[in-house]
Amino acid sequence: MKTKLTRRLAVLCSLIPAADTLADVGCDHGYCTLYALEKGLCRKAYISDISALSLHKAEKLLSRYMAEGKAESVCCAGLEKIPPSVGAVIIAGMGGEEILSILREGFLPPKLLLQPMQNTPKVRAFLLENGYAIERDFTFRDGKYYDVIYAEKGGAARKYDARSLEFGYDNLHFPSEDFMRKVEEDIAKCRARLERAGKSVPAVEERLRALTEIRNENTRDI
């Protein structure tokens, strides 16, 4: 791949699982699909987008693979025209509610790589309720903060409690510098919000308590 990937795309690409067929829903420029094909992670890939104009960017990037029959473009909403037999699906850069709507209205593939922009706890809960084992679940920074989740049916299950659902399993058990930086920033935001309110705001106070607890758990003597 000649194009230098952003950190966000590099993280996503590093988590793409091997599968006979792969679908990249809302594929944008198609970089994740290109990476998967170049690395031999799939035999065939489907790229889809609800916008034909947006899809054209990926078609241009993947033109060689499309000519070889290794990539196929589908203009549709969500998984509407994606074969339910695909082994893995990528859905990145959408809101959590939108991702859940796509999965509920479509189908649940064996492997899912998701990068929700909001409502990540709801996505985690949905996956666990539908028989997925969440194998990777962490926050990283590329200008702003992103959550990424890799889940697999029949994978190695990890126990999720309420805190893991809220903050992400890997973030709590293997906290990264990016995640701890986000914790500090979120603590400051909570304090500022309470100061502006000038009164008790239970939801904000509870989140501040949880964030402070995480910070204190990961404070190390130098």
C-alpha atoms as a PDB file:
ATOM      1  CA  MET A   1       0.000   0.000   0.000  1.00  0.00           C
ATOM      2  CA  LYS A   2       1.669   3.215  -1.164  1.00  0.00           C
ATOM      3  CA  THR A   3      -0.676   5.557   0.713  1.00  0.00           C
ATOM      4  CA  LYS A   4       0.489   6.269   4.257  1.00  0.00           C
ATOM      5  CA  LEU A   5      -2.317   5.323   6.607  1.00  0.00           C
ATOM      6  CA  THR A   6      -3.506   7.553   9.423  1.00  0.00           C
ATOM      7  CA  ARG A   7      -3.074   6.026  12.859  1.00  0.00           C
ATOM      8  CA  ARG A   8      -6.817   5.365  13.003  1.00  0.00           C
ATOM      9  CA  LEU A   9      -6.715   3.347   9.788  1.00  0.00           C
ATOM     10  CA  ALA A  10      -3.478   1.616  10.776  1.00  0.00           C
ATOM     11  CA  VAL A  11      -5.058   0.426  14.034  1.00  0.00           C
ATOM     12  CA  LEU A  12      -8.150  -0.815  12.198  1.00  0.00           C
ATOM     13  CA  CYS A  13      -6.076  -2.613   9.576  1.00  0.00           C
ATOM     14  CA  SER A  14      -3.984  -4.316  12.242  1.00  0.00           C
ATOM     15  CA  LEU A  15      -7.169  -5.907  13.628  1.00  0.00           C
ATOM     16  CA  ILE A  16      -8.706  -7.136  10.364  1.00  0.00           C
ATOM     17  CA  PRO A  17      -9.232 -10.885  10.783  1.00  0.00           C
ATOM     18  CA  ALA A  18      -8.555 -13.545   8.191  1.00  0.00           C
ATOM     19  CA  ALA A  19     -11.765 -14.666   6.466  1.00  0.00           C
ATOM     20  CA  ASP A  20     -12.680 -16.213   3.142  1.00  0.00           C
ATOM     21  CA  THR A  21     -14.897 -13.230   2.366  1.00  0.00           C
ATOM     22  CA  LEU A  22     -14.918  -9.783   3.938  1.00  0.00           C
ATOM     23  CA  ALA A  23     -17.321  -6.841   3.779  1.00  0.00           C
ATOM     24  CA  ASP A  24     -16.367  -3.232   4.524  1.00  0.00           C
ATOM     25  CA  VAL A  25     -19.604  -1.354   5.203  1.00  0.00           C
ATOM     26  CA  GLY A  26     -19.434   2.408   4.733  1.00  0.00           C
ATOM     27  CA  CYS A  27     -15.990   1.786   3.254  1.00  0.00           C
ATOM     28  CA  ASP A  28     -15.029   5.419   2.590  1.00  0.00           C
ATOM     29  CA  HIS A  29     -11.831   5.338   0.459  1.00  0.00           C
ATOM     30  CA  GLY A  30     -11.478   1.557   0.746  1.00  0.00           C
ATOM     31  CA  TYR A  31      -8.107   1.508   2.510  1.00  0.00           C
ATOM     32  CA  CYS A  32      -9.073  -1.277   4.933  1.00  0.00           C
ATOM     33  CA  THR A  33     -10.228  -3.473   2.067  1.00  0.00           C
ATOM     34  CA  LEU A  34      -7.078  -2.749   0.091  1.00  0.00           C
ATOM     35  CA  TYR A  35      -4.964  -3.727   3.098  1.00  0.00           C
ATOM     36  CA  ALA A  36      -6.914  -6.984   3.551  1.00  0.00           C
ATOM     37  CA  LEU A  37      -6.502  -7.939  -0.100  1.00  0.00           C
ATOM     38  CA  GLU A  38      -2.836  -6.997  -0.250  1.00  0.00           C
ATOM     39  CA  LYS A  39      -2.084  -8.995   2.896  1.00  0.00           C
ATOM     40  CA  GLY A  40      -4.063 -12.002   1.722  1.00  0.00           C
ATOM     41  CA  LEU A  41      -6.501 -11.799   4.630  1.00  0.00           C
ATOM     42  CA  CYS A  42      -9.447 -12.641   2.389  1.00  0.00           C
ATOM     43  CA  ARG A  43     -10.147 -14.298  -0.940  1.00  0.00           C
ATOM     44  CA  LYS A  44     -12.811 -11.771  -1.881  1.00  0.00           C
ATOM     45  CA  ALA A  45     -14.003  -8.485  -0.444  1.00  0.00           C
ATOM     46  CA  TYR A  46     -17.214  -6.484  -0.734  1.00  0.00           C
ATOM     47  CA  ILE A  47     -17.184  -2.718  -0.382  1.00  0.00           C
ATOM     48  CA  SER A  48     -20.421  -0.901   0.286  1.00  0.00           C
ATOM     49  CA  ASP A  49     -21.744   2.571   0.928  1.00  0.00           C
ATOM     50  CA  ILE A  50     -25.167   4.176   0.798  1.00  0.00           C
ATOM     51  CA  SER A  51     -23.660   6.937  -1.378  1.00  0.00           C
ATOM     52  CA  ALA A  52     -22.626   6.025  -4.933  1.00  0.00           C
ATOM     53  CA  LEU A  53     -20.344   9.075  -4.981  1.00  0.00           C
ATOM     54  CA  SER A  54     -18.520   7.945  -1.838  1.00  0.00           C
ATOM     55  CA  LEU A  55     -18.346   4.373  -3.102  1.00  0.00           C
ATOM     56  CA  HIS A  56     -16.674   5.556  -6.302  1.00  0.00           C
ATOM     57  CA  LYS A  57     -13.559   6.595  -4.329  1.00  0.00           C
ATOM     58  CA  ALA A  58     -13.104   3.027  -3.097  1.00  0.00           C
ATOM     59  CA  GLU A  59     -13.895   1.586  -6.540  1.00  0.00           C
ATOM     60  CA  LYS A  60     -11.101   3.695  -7.997  1.00  0.00           C
ATOM     61  CA  LEU A  61      -8.612   2.548  -5.357  1.00  0.00           C
ATOM     62  CA  LEU A  62      -9.585  -1.102  -5.781  1.00  0.00           C
ATOM     63  CA  SER A  63     -10.043  -1.091  -9.558  1.00  0.00           C
ATOM     64  CA  ARG A  64      -7.375  -3.751 -10.146  1.00  0.00           C
ATOM     65  CA  TYR A  65      -8.917  -6.118  -7.628  1.00  0.00           C
ATOM     66  CA  MET A  66     -12.390  -5.455  -9.023  1.00  0.00           C
ATOM     67  CA  ALA A  67     -11.158  -6.322 -12.517  1.00  0.00           C
ATOM     68  CA  GLU A  68      -9.761  -9.576 -11.130  1.00  0.00           C
ATOM     69  CA  GLY A  69     -13.048 -10.414  -9.406  1.00  0.00           C
ATOM     70  CA  LYS A  70     -11.479 -10.167  -5.959  1.00  0.00           C
ATOM     71  CA  ALA A  71     -13.460  -7.087  -4.956  1.00  0.00           C
ATOM     72  CA  GLU A  72     -17.085  -6.183  -5.584  1.00  0.00           C
ATOM     73  CA  SER A  73     -18.832  -2.889  -4.885  1.00  0.00           C
ATOM     74  CA  VAL A  74     -22.409  -2.699  -3.650  1.00  0.00           C
ATOM     75  CA  CYS A  75     -24.323   0.559  -3.272  1.00  0.00           C
ATOM     76  CA  CYS A  76     -26.769  -0.078  -0.456  1.00  0.00           C
ATOM     77  CA  ALA A  77     -27.807   0.829   3.064  1.00  0.00           C
ATOM     78  CA  GLY A  78     -25.884  -1.175   5.634  1.00  0.00           C
ATOM     79  CA  LEU A  79     -25.786  -4.904   4.928  1.00  0.00           C
ATOM     80  CA  GLU A  80     -28.830  -4.820   2.662  1.00  0.00           C
ATOM     81  CA  LYS A  81     -27.097  -6.295  -0.412  1.00  0.00           C
ATOM     82  CA  ILE A  82     -24.108  -7.962   1.235  1.00  0.00           C
ATOM     83  CA  PRO A  83     -24.166 -11.786   1.054  1.00  0.00           C
ATOM     84  CA  PRO A  84     -25.020 -13.139   4.549  1.00  0.00           C
ATOM     85  CA  SER A  85     -22.340 -15.779   4.018  1.00  0.00           C
ATOM     86  CA  VAL A  86     -19.457 -13.308   4.458  1.00  0.00           C
ATOM     87  CA  GLY A  87     -17.061 -14.351   7.190  1.00  0.00           C
ATOM     88  CA  ALA A  88     -16.153 -10.924   8.539  1.00  0.00           C
ATOM     89  CA  VAL A  89     -17.638  -7.422   8.482  1.00  0.00           C
ATOM     90  CA  ILE A  90     -15.969  -4.082   9.163  1.00  0.00           C
ATOM     91  CA  ILE A  91     -18.124  -1.123  10.195  1.00  0.00           C
ATOM     92  CA  ALA A  92     -16.047   1.906  11.158  1.00  0.00           C
ATOM     93  CA  GLY A  93     -16.619   5.605  11.639  1.00  0.00           C
ATOM     94  CA  MET A  94     -20.345   5.452  12.378  1.00  0.00           C
ATOM     95  CA  GLY A  95     -22.314   6.146  15.529  1.00  0.00           C
ATOM     96  CA  GLY A  96     -22.964   3.201  17.800  1.00  0.00           C
ATOM     97  CA  GLU A  97     -26.715   3.399  17.296  1.00  0.00           C
ATOM     98  CA  GLU A  98     -26.237   3.364  13.524  1.00  0.00           C
ATOM     99  CA  ILE A  99     -23.973   0.320  13.765  1.00  0.00           C
ATOM    100  CA  LEU A 100     -26.561  -1.494  15.877  1.00  0.00           C
ATOM    101  CA  SER A 101     -29.310  -0.591  13.416  1.00  0.00           C
ATOM    102  CA  ILE A 102     -27.229  -2.025  10.552  1.00  0.00           C
ATOM    103  CA  LEU A 103     -26.649  -5.285  12.422  1.00  0.00           C
ATOM    104  CA  ARG A 104     -30.250  -5.634  13.578  1.00  0.00           C
ATOM    105  CA  GLU A 105     -31.639  -4.994  10.099  1.00  0.00           C
ATOM    106  CA  GLY A 106     -28.994  -7.127   8.398  1.00  0.00           C
ATOM    107  CA  PHE A 107     -27.291 -10.188   9.820  1.00  0.00           C
ATOM    108  CA  LEU A 108     -24.679 -11.166  12.394  1.00  0.00           C
ATOM    109  CA  PRO A 109     -21.463 -12.482  10.767  1.00  0.00           C
ATOM    110  CA  PRO A 110     -18.941 -14.725  12.526  1.00  0.00           C
ATOM    111  CA  LYS A 111     -16.416 -11.881  12.917  1.00  0.00           C
ATOM    112  CA  LEU A 112     -16.977  -8.164  13.487  1.00  0.00           C
ATOM    113  CA  LEU A 113     -14.524  -5.266  13.523  1.00  0.00           C
ATOM    114  CA  LEU A 114     -16.294  -2.130  14.747  1.00  0.00           C
ATOM    115  CA  GLN A 115     -15.216   1.426  15.409  1.00  0.00           C
ATOM    116  CA  PRO A 116     -18.207   3.251  16.894  1.00  0.00           C
ATOM    117  CA  MET A 117     -18.025   7.016  17.234  1.00  0.00           C
ATOM    118  CA  GLN A 118     -20.557   7.192  20.084  1.00  0.00           C
ATOM    119  CA  ASN A 119     -22.526   4.868  22.376  1.00  0.00           C
ATOM    120  CA  THR A 120     -19.783   2.252  22.550  1.00  0.00           C
ATOM    121  CA  PRO A 121     -21.182   0.698  25.774  1.00  0.00           C
ATOM    122  CA  LYS A 122     -24.415  -0.126  23.905  1.00  0.00           C
ATOM    123  CA  VAL A 123     -22.403  -1.821  21.159  1.00  0.00           C
ATOM    124  CA  ARG A 124     -20.503  -3.919  23.694  1.00  0.00           C
ATOM    125  CA  ALA A 125     -23.732  -4.976  25.404  1.00  0.00           C
ATOM    126  CA  PHE A 126     -25.368  -5.911  22.084  1.00  0.00           C
ATOM    127  CA  LEU A 127     -22.430  -8.086  21.053  1.00  0.00           C
ATOM    128  CA  LEU A 128     -22.378  -9.960  24.351  1.00  0.00           C
ATOM    129  CA  GLU A 129     -26.149 -10.444  24.293  1.00  0.00           C
ATOM    130  CA  ASN A 130     -25.887 -11.961  20.815  1.00  0.00           C
ATOM    131  CA  GLY A 131     -23.259 -14.584  21.555  1.00  0.00           C
ATOM    132  CA  TYR A 132     -20.087 -12.741  20.601  1.00  0.00           C
ATOM    133  CA  ALA A 133     -16.845 -12.916  22.543  1.00  0.00           C
ATOM    134  CA  ILE A 134     -15.197  -9.484  22.536  1.00  0.00           C
ATOM    135  CA  GLU A 135     -11.519 -10.219  22.001  1.00  0.00           C
ATOM    136  CA  ARG A 136     -10.163  -6.668  21.604  1.00  0.00           C
ATOM    137  CA  ASP A 137     -11.733  -3.549  23.035  1.00  0.00           C
ATOM    138  CA  PHE A 138      -9.674  -0.413  23.570  1.00  0.00           C
ATOM    139  CA  THR A 139      -9.370   3.340  23.079  1.00  0.00           C
ATOM    140  CA  PHE A 140      -6.659   5.042  21.042  1.00  0.00           C
ATOM    141  CA  ARG A 141      -5.883   8.568  19.950  1.00  0.00           C
ATOM    142  CA  ASP A 142      -5.426   9.994  16.470  1.00  0.00           C
ATOM    143  CA  GLY A 143      -6.161  13.677  16.876  1.00  0.00           C
ATOM    144  CA  LYS A 144      -9.227  12.643  18.874  1.00  0.00           C
ATOM    145  CA  TYR A 145     -10.133   9.481  20.732  1.00  0.00           C
ATOM    146  CA  TYR A 146     -11.557   6.392  19.084  1.00  0.00           C
ATOM    147  CA  ASP A 147     -12.916   3.120  20.431  1.00  0.00           C
ATOM    148  CA  VAL A 148     -12.331  -0.091  18.500  1.00  0.00           C
ATOM    149  CA  ILE A 149     -13.887  -3.504  19.090  1.00  0.00           C
ATOM    150  CA  TYR A 150     -13.095  -6.878  17.565  1.00  0.00           C
ATOM    151  CA  ALA A 151     -15.626  -9.605  18.348  1.00  0.00           C
ATOM    152  CA  GLU A 152     -15.980 -13.183  17.225  1.00  0.00           C
ATOM    153  CA  LYS A 153     -18.658 -15.809  17.651  1.00  0.00           C
ATOM    154  CA  GLY A 154     -17.195 -18.782  19.469  1.00  0.00           C
ATOM    155  CA  GLY A 155     -14.098 -16.808  20.397  1.00  0.00           C
ATOM    156  CA  ALA A 156     -12.311 -16.702  23.739  1.00  0.00           C
ATOM    157  CA  ALA A 157     -14.856 -15.184  26.108  1.00  0.00           C
ATOM    158  CA  ARG A 158     -13.768 -12.558  28.632  1.00  0.00           C
ATOM    159  CA  LYS A 159     -15.884 -11.606  31.614  1.00  0.00           C
ATOM    160  CA  TYR A 160     -17.492  -8.185  31.262  1.00  0.00           C
ATOM    161  CA  ASP A 161     -18.774  -6.389  34.329  1.00  0.00           C
ATOM    162  CA  ALA A 162     -20.511  -2.998  34.423  1.00  0.00           C
ATOM    163  CA  ARG A 163     -17.206  -1.097  34.359  1.00  0.00           C
ATOM    164  CA  SER A 164     -15.888  -3.104  31.408  1.00  0.00           C
ATOM    165  CA  LEU A 165     -19.088  -2.388  29.499  1.00  0.00           C
ATOM    166  CA  GLU A 166     -18.716   1.322  30.179  1.00  0.00           C
ATOM    167  CA  PHE A 167     -14.983   1.793  29.632  1.00  0.00           C
ATOM    168  CA  GLY A 168     -13.756  -1.224  27.645  1.00  0.00           C
ATOM    169  CA  TYR A 169     -12.108  -4.412  28.862  1.00  0.00           C
ATOM    170  CA  ASP A 170      -8.602  -3.765  27.550  1.00  0.00           C
ATOM    171  CA  ASN A 171      -8.674  -0.186  28.803  1.00  0.00           C
ATOM    172  CA  LEU A 172      -9.255  -1.394  32.366  1.00  0.00           C
ATOM    173  CA  HIS A 173      -7.030  -4.475  32.349  1.00  0.00           C
ATOM    174  CA  PHE A 174      -4.228  -3.208  30.102  1.00  0.00           C
ATOM    175  CA  PRO A 175      -4.552   0.603  30.223  1.00  0.00           C
ATOM    176  CA  SER A 176      -2.648   2.420  27.509  1.00  0.00           C
ATOM    177  CA  GLU A 177      -1.144   5.878  27.634  1.00  0.00           C
ATOM    178  CA  ASP A 178      -3.891   7.064  25.273  1.00  0.00           C
ATOM    179  CA  PHE A 179      -6.653   5.753  27.523  1.00  0.00           C
ATOM    180  CA  MET A 180      -5.148   7.234  30.684  1.00  0.00           C
ATOM    181  CA  ARG A 181      -4.786  10.569  28.931  1.00  0.00           C
ATOM    182  CA  LYS A 182      -8.479  10.406  28.057  1.00  0.00           C
ATOM    183  CA  VAL A 183      -9.318   9.584  31.677  1.00  0.00           C
ATOM    184  CA  GLU A 184      -7.488  12.713  32.844  1.00  0.00           C
ATOM    185  CA  GLU A 185      -9.234  14.863  30.238  1.00  0.00           C
ATOM    186  CA  ASP A 186     -12.640  13.426  31.133  1.00  0.00           C
ATOM    187  CA  ILE A 187     -12.022  14.064  34.840  1.00  0.00           C
ATOM    188  CA  ALA A 188     -11.296  17.718  34.018  1.00  0.00           C
ATOM    189  CA  LYS A 189     -14.469  17.946  31.904  1.00  0.00           C
ATOM    190  CA  CYS A 190     -16.605  16.487  34.693  1.00  0.00           C
ATOM    191  CA  ARG A 191     -15.181  18.904  37.246  1.00  0.00           C
ATOM    192  CA  ALA A 192     -15.727  21.862  34.923  1.00  0.00           C
ATOM    193  CA  ARG A 193     -19.314  20.790  34.272  1.00  0.00           C
ATOM    194  CA  LEU A 194     -20.050  20.493  37.994  1.00  0.00           C
ATOM    195  CA  GLU A 195     -18.486  23.893  38.620  1.00  0.00           C
ATOM    196  CA  ARG A 196     -20.641  25.481  35.910  1.00  0.00           C
ATOM    197  CA  ALA A 197     -23.757  23.805  37.269  1.00  0.00           C
ATOM    198  CA  GLY A 198     -23.128  25.082  40.775  1.00  0.00           C
ATOM    199  CA  LYS A 199     -25.176  22.218  42.183  1.00  0.00           C
ATOM    200  CA  SER A 200     -25.240  18.459  42.473  1.00  0.00           C
ATOM    201  CA  VAL A 201     -25.476  16.571  39.150  1.00  0.00           C
ATOM    202  CA  PRO A 202     -25.634  12.893  40.169  1.00  0.00           C
ATOM    203  CA  ALA A 203     -24.808  11.409  36.746  1.00  0.00           C
ATOM    204  CA  VAL A 204     -21.731  13.619  36.361  1.00  0.00           C
ATOM    205  CA  GLU A 205     -20.659  12.991  39.945  1.00  0.00           C
ATOM    206  CA  GLU A 206     -20.926   9.233  39.432  1.00  0.00           C
ATOM    207  CA  ARG A 207     -18.845   9.383  36.251  1.00  0.00           C
ATOM    208  CA  LEU A 208     -16.252  11.534  38.009  1.00  0.00           C
ATOM    209  CA  ARG A 209     -16.094   8.975  40.814  1.00  0.00           C
ATOM    210  CA  ALA A 210     -15.588   6.106  38.335  1.00  0.00           C
ATOM    211  CA  LEU A 211     -12.919   7.979  36.370  1.00  0.00           C
ATOM    212  CA  THR A 212     -11.056   8.985  39.525  1.00  0.00           C
ATOM    213  CA  GLU A 213     -11.118   5.383  40.686  1.00  0.00           C
ATOM    214  CA  ILE A 214      -9.583   4.241  37.390  1.00  0.00           C
ATOM    215  CA  ARG A 215      -6.888   6.902  37.627  1.00  0.00           C
ATOM    216  CA  ASN A 216      -6.061   5.991  41.221  1.00  0.00           C
ATOM    217  CA  GLU A 217      -5.867   2.290  40.357  1.00  0.00           C
ATOM    218  CA  ASN A 218      -3.283   3.032  37.700  1.00  0.00           C
ATOM    219  CA  THR A 219      -1.164   5.538  39.585  1.00  0.00           C
ATOM    220  CA  ARG A 220       2.345   4.184  40.028  1.00  0.00           C
ATOM    221  CA  ASP A 221       5.095   5.440  42.260  1.00  0.00           C
ATOM    222  CA  ILE A 222       7.999   6.732  40.204  1.00  0.00           C
END
